[in-house]
């Protein structure tokens, strides 16, 4: 049997406008070690398809641990992602 990637926990915060869609200002996610920011973004948009429908590219701002993320930043245990309308 192969080894599975170790799970890590991250926190995802939503601003007041996005909270109207997600119905929460914070959610914790357990994801596989090695997941990139862009992959996690895809999962969030899959879980909340209203977000990309209502807010096209350029309307959303993101922070990863209080700094702008790069597309292929690899998430670490305890990371925090902040979503806001810009």
C-alpha atoms as a PDB file:
ATOM      1  CA  UNK A   1       0.000   0.000   0.000  1.00  0.00           C
ATOM      2  CA  UNK A   2       1.192   3.484  -0.812  1.00  0.00           C
ATOM      3  CA  UNK A   3       1.494   6.249   1.714  1.00  0.00           C
ATOM      4  CA  UNK A   4      -1.179   8.900   1.621  1.00  0.00           C
ATOM      5  CA  UNK A   5      -0.299  12.587   2.044  1.00  0.00           C
ATOM      6  CA  UNK A   6      -0.596  13.742   5.630  1.00  0.00           C
ATOM      7  CA  UNK A   7      -3.697  15.860   6.272  1.00  0.00           C
ATOM      8  CA  UNK A   8      -3.266  19.468   7.332  1.00  0.00           C
ATOM      9  CA  UNK A   9      -5.760  22.020   8.673  1.00  0.00           C
ATOM     10  CA  UNK A  10      -6.243  25.475   7.221  1.00  0.00           C
ATOM     11  CA  UNK A  11      -8.652  28.300   8.036  1.00  0.00           C
ATOM     12  CA  UNK A  12     -10.613  30.223   5.431  1.00  0.00           C
ATOM     13  CA  UNK A  13     -12.036  33.632   6.377  1.00  0.00           C
ATOM     14  CA  UNK A  14     -14.714  35.489   4.390  1.00  0.00           C
ATOM     15  CA  UNK A  15     -15.530  39.203   4.524  1.00  0.00           C
ATOM     16  CA  UNK A  16     -19.071  40.431   5.244  1.00  0.00           C
ATOM     17  CA  UNK A  17     -20.185  40.331   1.589  1.00  0.00           C
ATOM     18  CA  UNK A  18     -18.915  36.794   1.014  1.00  0.00           C
ATOM     19  CA  UNK A  19     -20.431  35.705   4.319  1.00  0.00           C
ATOM     20  CA  UNK A  20     -23.832  36.393   2.725  1.00  0.00           C
ATOM     21  CA  UNK A  21     -23.028  33.599   0.247  1.00  0.00           C
ATOM     22  CA  UNK A  22     -21.124  31.155   2.464  1.00  0.00           C
ATOM     23  CA  UNK A  23     -23.286  31.812   5.546  1.00  0.00           C
ATOM     24  CA  UNK A  24     -20.130  31.810   7.669  1.00  0.00           C
ATOM     25  CA  UNK A  25     -17.208  34.101   8.230  1.00  0.00           C
ATOM     26  CA  UNK A  26     -14.797  31.232   8.932  1.00  0.00           C
ATOM     27  CA  UNK A  27     -14.469  27.633   7.901  1.00  0.00           C
ATOM     28  CA  UNK A  28     -11.782  25.132   8.721  1.00  0.00           C
ATOM     29  CA  UNK A  29     -10.711  22.683   6.055  1.00  0.00           C
ATOM     30  CA  UNK A  30      -8.699  19.493   6.297  1.00  0.00           C
ATOM     31  CA  UNK A  31      -6.703  19.103   3.100  1.00  0.00           C
ATOM     32  CA  UNK A  32      -3.813  16.978   1.866  1.00  0.00           C
ATOM     33  CA  UNK A  33      -0.280  18.163   2.507  1.00  0.00           C
ATOM     34  CA  UNK A  34       1.157  19.560  -0.714  1.00  0.00           C
ATOM     35  CA  UNK A  35      -2.048  21.229  -1.946  1.00  0.00           C
ATOM     36  CA  UNK A  36      -1.441  24.540  -3.675  1.00  0.00           C
ATOM     37  CA  UNK A  37      -3.317  27.795  -3.159  1.00  0.00           C
ATOM     38  CA  UNK A  38      -4.881  27.610  -6.634  1.00  0.00           C
ATOM     39  CA  UNK A  39      -6.100  24.039  -5.997  1.00  0.00           C
ATOM     40  CA  UNK A  40      -7.704  25.109  -2.721  1.00  0.00           C
ATOM     41  CA  UNK A  41      -9.281  28.081  -4.490  1.00  0.00           C
ATOM     42  CA  UNK A  42     -10.826  25.660  -6.995  1.00  0.00           C
ATOM     43  CA  UNK A  43     -12.293  23.592  -4.130  1.00  0.00           C
ATOM     44  CA  UNK A  44     -13.727  26.707  -2.477  1.00  0.00           C
ATOM     45  CA  UNK A  45     -15.333  27.840  -5.745  1.00  0.00           C
ATOM     46  CA  UNK A  46     -16.705  24.319  -6.251  1.00  0.00           C
ATOM     47  CA  UNK A  47     -18.252  24.401  -2.764  1.00  0.00           C
ATOM     48  CA  UNK A  48     -19.603  27.942  -3.235  1.00  0.00           C
ATOM     49  CA  UNK A  49     -20.237  28.335  -7.014  1.00  0.00           C
ATOM     50  CA  UNK A  50     -22.155  31.557  -6.385  1.00  0.00           C
ATOM     51  CA  UNK A  51     -18.880  33.329  -5.522  1.00  0.00           C
ATOM     52  CA  UNK A  52     -17.266  33.193  -9.002  1.00  0.00           C
ATOM     53  CA  UNK A  53     -20.671  33.775 -10.644  1.00  0.00           C
ATOM     54  CA  UNK A  54     -21.289  36.966  -8.676  1.00  0.00           C
ATOM     55  CA  UNK A  55     -17.672  38.177  -8.507  1.00  0.00           C
ATOM     56  CA  UNK A  56     -15.698  37.802 -11.767  1.00  0.00           C
ATOM     57  CA  UNK A  57     -11.871  37.794 -11.848  1.00  0.00           C
ATOM     58  CA  UNK A  58     -10.465  41.006 -10.445  1.00  0.00           C
ATOM     59  CA  UNK A  59     -13.315  41.511  -7.963  1.00  0.00           C
ATOM     60  CA  UNK A  60     -11.948  39.158  -5.289  1.00  0.00           C
ATOM     61  CA  UNK A  61      -8.905  39.769  -3.150  1.00  0.00           C
ATOM     62  CA  UNK A  62      -6.959  37.053  -1.371  1.00  0.00           C
ATOM     63  CA  UNK A  63      -4.390  36.942   1.390  1.00  0.00           C
ATOM     64  CA  UNK A  64      -2.460  33.898   2.539  1.00  0.00           C
ATOM     65  CA  UNK A  65      -1.136  34.484   6.042  1.00  0.00           C
ATOM     66  CA  UNK A  66      -1.554  38.251   5.563  1.00  0.00           C
ATOM     67  CA  UNK A  67       0.341  38.452   2.267  1.00  0.00           C
ATOM     68  CA  UNK A  68      -0.749  38.177  -1.366  1.00  0.00           C
ATOM     69  CA  UNK A  69      -0.495  34.519  -2.395  1.00  0.00           C
ATOM     70  CA  UNK A  70       1.236  33.178  -5.447  1.00  0.00           C
ATOM     71  CA  UNK A  71      -0.766  30.736  -7.541  1.00  0.00           C
ATOM     72  CA  UNK A  72       1.406  27.748  -6.689  1.00  0.00           C
ATOM     73  CA  UNK A  73       2.147  28.508  -3.027  1.00  0.00           C
ATOM     74  CA  UNK A  74       1.971  25.192  -1.176  1.00  0.00           C
ATOM     75  CA  UNK A  75      -0.318  25.377   1.840  1.00  0.00           C
ATOM     76  CA  UNK A  76       1.037  24.448   5.262  1.00  0.00           C
ATOM     77  CA  UNK A  77      -0.666  23.274   8.438  1.00  0.00           C
ATOM     78  CA  UNK A  78      -2.249  26.264  10.188  1.00  0.00           C
ATOM     79  CA  UNK A  79      -2.306  28.555   7.148  1.00  0.00           C
ATOM     80  CA  UNK A  80      -5.023  31.196   6.953  1.00  0.00           C
ATOM     81  CA  UNK A  81      -6.666  32.346   3.741  1.00  0.00           C
ATOM     82  CA  UNK A  82      -8.625  35.619   3.727  1.00  0.00           C
ATOM     83  CA  UNK A  83     -11.161  36.380   0.974  1.00  0.00           C
ATOM     84  CA  UNK A  84     -12.555  39.853   0.390  1.00  0.00           C
ATOM     85  CA  UNK A  85     -14.342  41.878  -2.253  1.00  0.00           C
ATOM     86  CA  UNK A  86     -12.069  44.539  -3.742  1.00  0.00           C
END
